[in-house]
Amino acid sequence: MNLVNISYMKKGQIQGFFDKFPHSKVLFSPIRKYYFVSYVHWDERDPVVLQEDLEEMELLFNSYMGREAFYRRRKRADTGVGGA
């Protein structure tokens, strides 16, 4: 999966567009120092979005925005592996 394009919106939110889901819009919201998927405007022409897809979207988007380190620290904290 690849991040194709982004579009800035109000309140710091950003829409992301991915090649695996070309007809769906993914809304990212900022929290602390990284972004998370807050909503998927899913289109029935696309495959069903799975939890693994959401995690990959978050990683790709945060990497694009230069926030991958913050996101990975958050992921470690959520899984109980490592520190922060």
C-alpha atoms as a PDB file:
ATOM      1  CA  MET A   1       0.000   0.000   0.000  1.00  0.00           C
ATOM      2  CA  ASN A   2       1.207   3.535  -0.782  1.00  0.00           C
ATOM      3  CA  LEU A   3       0.089   6.992   0.282  1.00  0.00           C
ATOM      4  CA  VAL A   4      -0.984   8.693  -2.950  1.00  0.00           C
ATOM      5  CA  ASN A   5      -2.017  12.189  -1.830  1.00  0.00           C
ATOM      6  CA  ILE A   6      -3.026  14.293   1.161  1.00  0.00           C
ATOM      7  CA  SER A   7      -5.446  17.177   1.575  1.00  0.00           C
ATOM      8  CA  TYR A   8      -5.472  19.582   4.536  1.00  0.00           C
ATOM      9  CA  MET A   9      -8.774  20.244   6.284  1.00  0.00           C
ATOM     10  CA  LYS A  10     -10.049  22.271   9.243  1.00  0.00           C
ATOM     11  CA  LYS A  11      -9.025  21.706  12.877  1.00  0.00           C
ATOM     12  CA  GLY A  12      -5.686  20.171  11.970  1.00  0.00           C
ATOM     13  CA  GLN A  13      -7.244  17.185  10.250  1.00  0.00           C
ATOM     14  CA  ILE A  14      -5.762  15.793   7.053  1.00  0.00           C
ATOM     15  CA  GLN A  15      -7.329  13.499   4.451  1.00  0.00           C
ATOM     16  CA  GLY A  16      -5.144  10.741   3.101  1.00  0.00           C
ATOM     17  CA  PHE A  17      -5.628   8.794  -0.106  1.00  0.00           C
ATOM     18  CA  PHE A  18      -4.127   5.309  -0.578  1.00  0.00           C
ATOM     19  CA  ASP A  19      -3.635   3.240  -3.730  1.00  0.00           C
ATOM     20  CA  LYS A  20      -5.163   0.101  -2.164  1.00  0.00           C
ATOM     21  CA  PHE A  21      -8.406   2.036  -1.472  1.00  0.00           C
ATOM     22  CA  PRO A  22      -8.604   4.506  -4.391  1.00  0.00           C
ATOM     23  CA  HIS A  23     -12.244   5.496  -3.856  1.00  0.00           C
ATOM     24  CA  SER A  24     -12.110   5.909  -0.064  1.00  0.00           C
ATOM     25  CA  LYS A  25     -10.943   8.913   1.962  1.00  0.00           C
ATOM     26  CA  VAL A  26      -9.099   8.399   5.237  1.00  0.00           C
ATOM     27  CA  LEU A  27      -9.329  11.171   7.822  1.00  0.00           C
ATOM     28  CA  PHE A  28      -6.335  11.617  10.136  1.00  0.00           C
ATOM     29  CA  SER A  29      -6.459  13.634  13.342  1.00  0.00           C
ATOM     30  CA  PRO A  30      -3.502  14.838  15.407  1.00  0.00           C
ATOM     31  CA  ILE A  31      -2.973  13.536  18.923  1.00  0.00           C
ATOM     32  CA  ARG A  32       0.123  14.474  20.883  1.00  0.00           C
ATOM     33  CA  LYS A  33       2.921  14.389  18.306  1.00  0.00           C
ATOM     34  CA  TYR A  34       1.517  11.934  15.766  1.00  0.00           C
ATOM     35  CA  TYR A  35      -1.608  11.286  13.679  1.00  0.00           C
ATOM     36  CA  PHE A  36      -4.176   8.504  13.921  1.00  0.00           C
ATOM     37  CA  VAL A  37      -7.026   7.363  11.661  1.00  0.00           C
ATOM     38  CA  SER A  38     -10.154   8.964  13.057  1.00  0.00           C
ATOM     39  CA  TYR A  39     -12.559   8.035  10.255  1.00  0.00           C
ATOM     40  CA  VAL A  40     -12.624   6.183   6.936  1.00  0.00           C
ATOM     41  CA  HIS A  41     -15.104   7.409   4.322  1.00  0.00           C
ATOM     42  CA  TRP A  42     -15.265   3.936   2.819  1.00  0.00           C
ATOM     43  CA  ASP A  43     -16.549   3.371  -0.715  1.00  0.00           C
ATOM     44  CA  GLU A  44     -18.090   0.002  -1.570  1.00  0.00           C
ATOM     45  CA  ARG A  45     -15.967  -0.204  -4.732  1.00  0.00           C
ATOM     46  CA  ASP A  46     -12.927  -0.685  -2.472  1.00  0.00           C
ATOM     47  CA  PRO A  47     -12.026  -3.771  -0.419  1.00  0.00           C
ATOM     48  CA  VAL A  48     -13.069  -3.854   3.225  1.00  0.00           C
ATOM     49  CA  VAL A  49     -10.625  -1.962   5.455  1.00  0.00           C
ATOM     50  CA  LEU A  50      -9.132  -4.278   8.091  1.00  0.00           C
ATOM     51  CA  GLN A  51      -7.370  -3.414  11.352  1.00  0.00           C
ATOM     52  CA  GLU A  52      -4.021  -4.271   9.730  1.00  0.00           C
ATOM     53  CA  ASP A  53      -4.795  -1.806   6.928  1.00  0.00           C
ATOM     54  CA  LEU A  54      -5.523   0.961   9.448  1.00  0.00           C
ATOM     55  CA  GLU A  55      -2.214   0.336  11.220  1.00  0.00           C
ATOM     56  CA  GLU A  56      -0.314   0.386   7.920  1.00  0.00           C
ATOM     57  CA  MET A  57      -2.071   3.631   6.917  1.00  0.00           C
ATOM     58  CA  GLU A  58      -1.098   5.251  10.220  1.00  0.00           C
ATOM     59  CA  LEU A  59       2.525   4.159   9.832  1.00  0.00           C
ATOM     60  CA  LEU A  60       2.760   5.361   6.215  1.00  0.00           C
ATOM     61  CA  PHE A  61       1.081   8.675   6.998  1.00  0.00           C
ATOM     62  CA  ASN A  62       3.169   9.407  10.095  1.00  0.00           C
ATOM     63  CA  SER A  63       6.316   8.504   8.183  1.00  0.00           C
ATOM     64  CA  TYR A  64       5.330  10.917   5.388  1.00  0.00           C
ATOM     65  CA  MET A  65       4.665  13.685   7.934  1.00  0.00           C
ATOM     66  CA  GLY A  66       8.006  13.100   9.695  1.00  0.00           C
ATOM     67  CA  ARG A  67       6.282  11.719  12.817  1.00  0.00           C
ATOM     68  CA  GLU A  68       7.223   8.045  12.538  1.00  0.00           C
ATOM     69  CA  ALA A  69       9.450   8.059  15.639  1.00  0.00           C
ATOM     70  CA  PHE A  70       6.642   9.489  17.789  1.00  0.00           C
ATOM     71  CA  TYR A  71       4.161   7.016  16.337  1.00  0.00           C
ATOM     72  CA  ARG A  72       6.454   4.038  16.935  1.00  0.00           C
ATOM     73  CA  ARG A  73       7.045   5.136  20.533  1.00  0.00           C
ATOM     74  CA  ARG A  74       3.282   5.246  20.970  1.00  0.00           C
ATOM     75  CA  LYS A  75       2.907   1.773  19.476  1.00  0.00           C
ATOM     76  CA  ARG A  76       5.520   0.378  21.883  1.00  0.00           C
ATOM     77  CA  ALA A  77       3.667   1.959  24.802  1.00  0.00           C
ATOM     78  CA  ASP A  78       0.358   0.442  23.646  1.00  0.00           C
ATOM     79  CA  THR A  79       1.782  -3.066  23.349  1.00  0.00           C
ATOM     80  CA  GLY A  80       3.796  -2.882  26.562  1.00  0.00           C
ATOM     81  CA  VAL A  81       7.082  -3.439  24.724  1.00  0.00           C
ATOM     82  CA  GLY A  82       9.830  -0.994  25.514  1.00  0.00           C
ATOM     83  CA  GLY A  83       9.486   2.300  27.078  1.00  0.00           C
ATOM     84  CA  ALA A  84       7.639   5.683  26.937  1.00  0.00           C
END
